[in-house]
């Protein structure tokens, strides 16, 4: 197995921010508006439809 040379992070980690529900909702709406590709999602959804019945014998 090849040994990885990962960077060593020095210093204190960034403080975790606890979001309120309003802040979280704003974050989710922003991501859906700017990162969600509806056309690609609908094409993927159309391709993933199963048209063969499932039977357990």
PDB file of N, CA and C in Angstrom:
ATOM      1  N   UNK A   1       0.841  -1.174   0.000  1.00  0.00           N
ATOM      2  CA  UNK A   1       0.000   0.000   0.000  1.00  0.00           C
ATOM      3  C   UNK A   1       0.888   1.240   0.000  1.00  0.00           C
ATOM      4  N   UNK A   2       0.529   2.219  -0.800  1.00  0.00           N
ATOM      5  CA  UNK A   2       1.303   3.445  -0.904  1.00  0.00           C
ATOM      6  C   UNK A   2       1.043   4.335   0.312  1.00  0.00           C
ATOM      7  N   UNK A   3       2.108   4.873   0.877  1.00  0.00           N
ATOM      8  CA  UNK A   3       1.979   5.732   2.041  1.00  0.00           C
ATOM      9  C   UNK A   3       1.606   7.145   1.592  1.00  0.00           C
ATOM     10  N   UNK A   4       0.584   7.698   2.184  1.00  0.00           N
ATOM     11  CA  UNK A   4       0.125   9.034   1.824  1.00  0.00           C
ATOM     12  C   UNK A   4       0.885  10.099   2.602  1.00  0.00           C
ATOM     13  N   UNK A   5       1.167  11.200   1.933  1.00  0.00           N
ATOM     14  CA  UNK A   5       1.822  12.332   2.591  1.00  0.00           C
ATOM     15  C   UNK A   5       0.776  13.427   2.799  1.00  0.00           C
ATOM     16  N   UNK A   6       0.024  13.290   3.866  1.00  0.00           N
ATOM     17  CA  UNK A   6      -1.027  14.252   4.179  1.00  0.00           C
ATOM     18  C   UNK A   6      -0.453  15.428   4.956  1.00  0.00           C
ATOM     19  N   UNK A   7      -1.025  16.599   4.785  1.00  0.00           N
ATOM     20  CA  UNK A   7      -0.511  17.760   5.522  1.00  0.00           C
ATOM     21  C   UNK A   7      -0.829  17.658   7.009  1.00  0.00           C
ATOM     22  N   UNK A   8       0.052  18.189   7.795  1.00  0.00           N
ATOM     23  CA  UNK A   8      -0.148  18.220   9.246  1.00  0.00           C
ATOM     24  C   UNK A   8      -0.723  19.593   9.589  1.00  0.00           C
ATOM     25  N   UNK A   9      -1.897  19.597  10.167  1.00  0.00           N
ATOM     26  CA  UNK A   9      -2.579  20.844  10.499  1.00  0.00           C
ATOM     27  C   UNK A   9      -2.182  21.240  11.911  1.00  0.00           C
ATOM     28  N   UNK A  10      -1.603  22.432  12.021  1.00  0.00           N
ATOM     29  CA  UNK A  10      -1.164  22.931  13.326  1.00  0.00           C
ATOM     30  C   UNK A  10      -2.120  24.026  13.787  1.00  0.00           C
ATOM     31  N   UNK A  11      -2.242  24.158  15.052  1.00  0.00           N
ATOM     32  CA  UNK A  11      -3.094  25.204  15.607  1.00  0.00           C
ATOM     33  C   UNK A  11      -4.431  24.645  16.042  1.00  0.00           C
ATOM     34  N   UNK A  12      -5.237  25.510  16.577  1.00  0.00           N
ATOM     35  CA  UNK A  12      -6.553  25.127  17.085  1.00  0.00           C
ATOM     36  C   UNK A  12      -7.553  25.000  15.938  1.00  0.00           C
ATOM     37  N   UNK A  13      -8.450  24.020  16.011  1.00  0.00           N
ATOM     38  CA  UNK A  13      -9.491  23.922  14.979  1.00  0.00           C
ATOM     39  C   UNK A  13     -10.459  25.099  15.089  1.00  0.00           C
ATOM     40  N   UNK A  14     -11.103  25.392  13.990  1.00  0.00           N
ATOM     41  CA  UNK A  14     -12.068  26.494  13.973  1.00  0.00           C
ATOM     42  C   UNK A  14     -13.234  26.168  14.895  1.00  0.00           C
ATOM     43  N   UNK A  15     -13.750  27.181  15.515  1.00  0.00           N
ATOM     44  CA  UNK A  15     -14.884  27.001  16.426  1.00  0.00           C
ATOM     45  C   UNK A  15     -16.120  26.605  15.629  1.00  0.00           C
ATOM     46  N   UNK A  16     -16.858  25.630  16.140  1.00  0.00           N
ATOM     47  CA  UNK A  16     -18.084  25.185  15.477  1.00  0.00           C
ATOM     48  C   UNK A  16     -19.210  26.154  15.805  1.00  0.00           C
ATOM     49  N   UNK A  17     -19.909  26.568  14.763  1.00  0.00           N
ATOM     50  CA  UNK A  17     -21.014  27.497  14.959  1.00  0.00           C
ATOM     51  C   UNK A  17     -22.312  26.706  14.964  1.00  0.00           C
ATOM     52  N   UNK A  18     -23.126  26.937  15.937  1.00  0.00           N
ATOM     53  CA  UNK A  18     -24.436  26.299  16.020  1.00  0.00           C
ATOM     54  C   UNK A  18     -25.439  27.220  15.333  1.00  0.00           C
ATOM     55  N   UNK A  19     -26.108  26.681  14.309  1.00  0.00           N
ATOM     56  CA  UNK A  19     -27.064  27.487  13.543  1.00  0.00           C
ATOM     57  C   UNK A  19     -28.448  27.419  14.167  1.00  0.00           C
ATOM     58  N   UNK A  20     -29.144  28.541  14.098  1.00  0.00           N
ATOM     59  CA  UNK A  20     -30.550  28.536  14.479  1.00  0.00           C
ATOM     60  C   UNK A  20     -31.339  27.915  13.328  1.00  0.00           C
ATOM     61  N   UNK A  21     -32.582  27.599  13.556  1.00  0.00           N
ATOM     62  CA  UNK A  21     -33.404  27.006  12.500  1.00  0.00           C
ATOM     63  C   UNK A  21     -33.574  27.971  11.330  1.00  0.00           C
ATOM     64  N   UNK A  22     -33.688  29.259  11.606  1.00  0.00           N
ATOM     65  CA  UNK A  22     -33.824  30.253  10.536  1.00  0.00           C
ATOM     66  C   UNK A  22     -32.550  30.329   9.696  1.00  0.00           C
ATOM     67  N   UNK A  23     -31.389  30.304  10.363  1.00  0.00           N
ATOM     68  CA  UNK A  23     -30.122  30.330   9.638  1.00  0.00           C
ATOM     69  C   UNK A  23     -29.950  29.066   8.797  1.00  0.00           C
ATOM     70  N   UNK A  24     -30.334  27.915   9.365  1.00  0.00           N
ATOM     71  CA  UNK A  24     -30.231  26.649   8.645  1.00  0.00           C
ATOM     72  C   UNK A  24     -31.153  26.652   7.424  1.00  0.00           C
ATOM     73  N   UNK A  25     -32.365  27.148   7.574  1.00  0.00           N
ATOM     74  CA  UNK A  25     -33.304  27.228   6.461  1.00  0.00           C
ATOM     75  C   UNK A  25     -32.752  28.127   5.357  1.00  0.00           C
ATOM     76  N   UNK A  26     -32.179  29.243   5.729  1.00  0.00           N
ATOM     77  CA  UNK A  26     -31.554  30.151   4.752  1.00  0.00           C
ATOM     78  C   UNK A  26     -30.425  29.437   4.025  1.00  0.00           C
ATOM     79  N   UNK A  27     -29.604  28.699   4.752  1.00  0.00           N
ATOM     80  CA  UNK A  27     -28.492  27.937   4.171  1.00  0.00           C
ATOM     81  C   UNK A  27     -29.004  26.899   3.170  1.00  0.00           C
ATOM     82  N   UNK A  28     -30.029  26.151   3.544  1.00  0.00           N
ATOM     83  CA  UNK A  28     -30.584  25.112   2.668  1.00  0.00           C
ATOM     84  C   UNK A  28     -31.204  25.732   1.418  1.00  0.00           C
ATOM     85  N   UNK A  29     -31.958  26.792   1.577  1.00  0.00           N
ATOM     86  CA  UNK A  29     -32.577  27.455   0.421  1.00  0.00           C
ATOM     87  C   UNK A  29     -31.525  28.011  -0.528  1.00  0.00           C
ATOM     88  N   UNK A  30     -30.456  28.579   0.011  1.00  0.00           N
ATOM     89  CA  UNK A  30     -29.367  29.098  -0.823  1.00  0.00           C
ATOM     90  C   UNK A  30     -28.732  27.974  -1.637  1.00  0.00           C
ATOM     91  N   UNK A  31     -28.451  26.833  -0.973  1.00  0.00           N
ATOM     92  CA  UNK A  31     -27.829  25.710  -1.670  1.00  0.00           C
ATOM     93  C   UNK A  31     -28.757  25.127  -2.736  1.00  0.00           C
ATOM     94  N   UNK A  32     -30.036  25.031  -2.440  1.00  0.00           N
ATOM     95  CA  UNK A  32     -30.968  24.521  -3.441  1.00  0.00           C
ATOM     96  C   UNK A  32     -31.063  25.468  -4.632  1.00  0.00           C
ATOM     97  N   UNK A  33     -31.016  26.752  -4.368  1.00  0.00           N
ATOM     98  CA  UNK A  33     -31.127  27.744  -5.440  1.00  0.00           C
ATOM     99  C   UNK A  33     -29.887  27.737  -6.334  1.00  0.00           C
ATOM    100  N   UNK A  34     -28.710  27.600  -5.759  1.00  0.00           N
ATOM    101  CA  UNK A  34     -27.470  27.765  -6.511  1.00  0.00           C
ATOM    102  C   UNK A  34     -26.769  26.460  -6.873  1.00  0.00           C
ATOM    103  N   UNK A  35     -27.076  25.350  -6.216  1.00  0.00           N
ATOM    104  CA  UNK A  35     -26.340  24.107  -6.456  1.00  0.00           C
ATOM    105  C   UNK A  35     -27.196  22.976  -7.002  1.00  0.00           C
ATOM    106  N   UNK A  36     -28.496  23.113  -7.015  1.00  0.00           N
ATOM    107  CA  UNK A  36     -29.388  22.036  -7.428  1.00  0.00           C
ATOM    108  C   UNK A  36     -29.689  22.171  -8.909  1.00  0.00           C
ATOM    109  N   UNK A  37     -29.392  21.125  -9.681  1.00  0.00           N
ATOM    110  CA  UNK A  37     -29.648  21.123 -11.114  1.00  0.00           C
ATOM    111  C   UNK A  37     -30.923  20.315 -11.360  1.00  0.00           C
ATOM    112  N   UNK A  38     -32.038  21.012 -11.520  1.00  0.00           N
ATOM    113  CA  UNK A  38     -33.331  20.338 -11.642  1.00  0.00           C
ATOM    114  C   UNK A  38     -33.404  19.492 -12.910  1.00  0.00           C
ATOM    115  N   UNK A  39     -32.841  19.983 -14.027  1.00  0.00           N
ATOM    116  CA  UNK A  39     -32.880  19.234 -15.284  1.00  0.00           C
ATOM    117  C   UNK A  39     -32.126  17.907 -15.143  1.00  0.00           C
ATOM    118  N   UNK A  40     -30.937  17.934 -14.562  1.00  0.00           N
ATOM    119  CA  UNK A  40     -30.158  16.708 -14.361  1.00  0.00           C
ATOM    120  C   UNK A  40     -30.883  15.764 -13.403  1.00  0.00           C
ATOM    121  N   UNK A  41     -31.516  16.307 -12.355  1.00  0.00           N
ATOM    122  CA  UNK A  41     -32.253  15.489 -11.400  1.00  0.00           C
ATOM    123  C   UNK A  41     -33.418  14.778 -12.082  1.00  0.00           C
ATOM    124  N   UNK A  42     -34.169  15.499 -12.928  1.00  0.00           N
ATOM    125  CA  UNK A  42     -35.310  14.887 -13.600  1.00  0.00           C
ATOM    126  C   UNK A  42     -34.860  13.816 -14.589  1.00  0.00           C
ATOM    127  N   UNK A  43     -33.729  14.040 -15.284  1.00  0.00           N
ATOM    128  CA  UNK A  43     -33.201  13.025 -16.189  1.00  0.00           C
ATOM    129  C   UNK A  43     -32.773  11.785 -15.409  1.00  0.00           C
ATOM    130  N   UNK A  44     -32.098  11.963 -14.265  1.00  0.00           N
ATOM    131  CA  UNK A  44     -31.674  10.836 -13.438  1.00  0.00           C
ATOM    132  C   UNK A  44     -32.891  10.073 -12.905  1.00  0.00           C
ATOM    133  N   UNK A  45     -33.916  10.812 -12.492  1.00  0.00           N
ATOM    134  CA  UNK A  45     -35.127  10.199 -11.962  1.00  0.00           C
ATOM    135  C   UNK A  45     -35.818   9.361 -13.036  1.00  0.00           C
ATOM    136  N   UNK A  46     -35.840   9.871 -14.281  1.00  0.00           N
ATOM    137  CA  UNK A  46     -36.462   9.142 -15.378  1.00  0.00           C
ATOM    138  C   UNK A  46     -35.691   7.846 -15.677  1.00  0.00           C
ATOM    139  N   UNK A  47     -34.374   7.906 -15.593  1.00  0.00           N
ATOM    140  CA  UNK A  47     -33.551   6.726 -15.864  1.00  0.00           C
ATOM    141  C   UNK A  47     -33.649   5.688 -14.752  1.00  0.00           C
ATOM    142  N   UNK A  48     -33.948   6.107 -13.533  1.00  0.00           N
ATOM    143  CA  UNK A  48     -33.949   5.181 -12.407  1.00  0.00           C
ATOM    144  C   UNK A  48     -35.294   4.482 -12.192  1.00  0.00           C
ATOM    145  N   UNK A  49     -36.283   4.793 -13.013  1.00  0.00           N
ATOM    146  CA  UNK A  49     -37.596   4.157 -12.880  1.00  0.00           C
ATOM    147  C   UNK A  49     -37.489   2.693 -13.293  1.00  0.00           C
ATOM    148  N   UNK A  50     -38.054   1.816 -12.479  1.00  0.00           N
ATOM    149  CA  UNK A  50     -38.034   0.386 -12.753  1.00  0.00           C
ATOM    150  C   UNK A  50     -39.357   0.005 -13.394  1.00  0.00           C
ATOM    151  N   UNK A  51     -39.280  -0.697 -14.531  1.00  0.00           N
ATOM    152  CA  UNK A  51     -40.509  -1.094 -15.223  1.00  0.00           C
ATOM    153  C   UNK A  51     -40.689  -2.614 -15.235  1.00  0.00           C
ATOM    154  N   UNK A  52     -39.933  -3.328 -14.393  1.00  0.00           N
ATOM    155  CA  UNK A  52     -40.041  -4.769 -14.296  1.00  0.00           C
ATOM    156  C   UNK A  52     -40.607  -5.082 -12.909  1.00  0.00           C
ATOM    157  N   UNK A  53     -41.663  -5.882 -12.844  1.00  0.00           N
ATOM    158  CA  UNK A  53     -42.238  -6.182 -11.542  1.00  0.00           C
ATOM    159  C   UNK A  53     -41.276  -7.022 -10.685  1.00  0.00           C
ATOM    160  N   UNK A  54     -41.305  -6.777  -9.380  1.00  0.00           N
ATOM    161  CA  UNK A  54     -40.459  -7.483  -8.445  1.00  0.00           C
ATOM    162  C   UNK A  54     -41.289  -8.559  -7.752  1.00  0.00           C
ATOM    163  N   UNK A  55     -40.821  -9.811  -7.816  1.00  0.00           N
ATOM    164  CA  UNK A  55     -41.547 -10.927  -7.237  1.00  0.00           C
ATOM    165  C   UNK A  55     -40.599 -11.771  -6.406  1.00  0.00           C
ATOM    166  N   UNK A  56     -40.994 -12.092  -5.189  1.00  0.00           N
ATOM    167  CA  UNK A  56     -40.210 -13.003  -4.342  1.00  0.00           C
ATOM    168  C   UNK A  56     -40.894 -14.370  -4.413  1.00  0.00           C
ATOM    169  N   UNK A  57     -40.120 -15.358  -4.779  1.00  0.00           N
ATOM    170  CA  UNK A  57     -40.674 -16.719  -4.884  1.00  0.00           C
ATOM    171  C   UNK A  57     -40.271 -17.546  -3.703  1.00  0.00           C
TER     172      UNK A  57
END
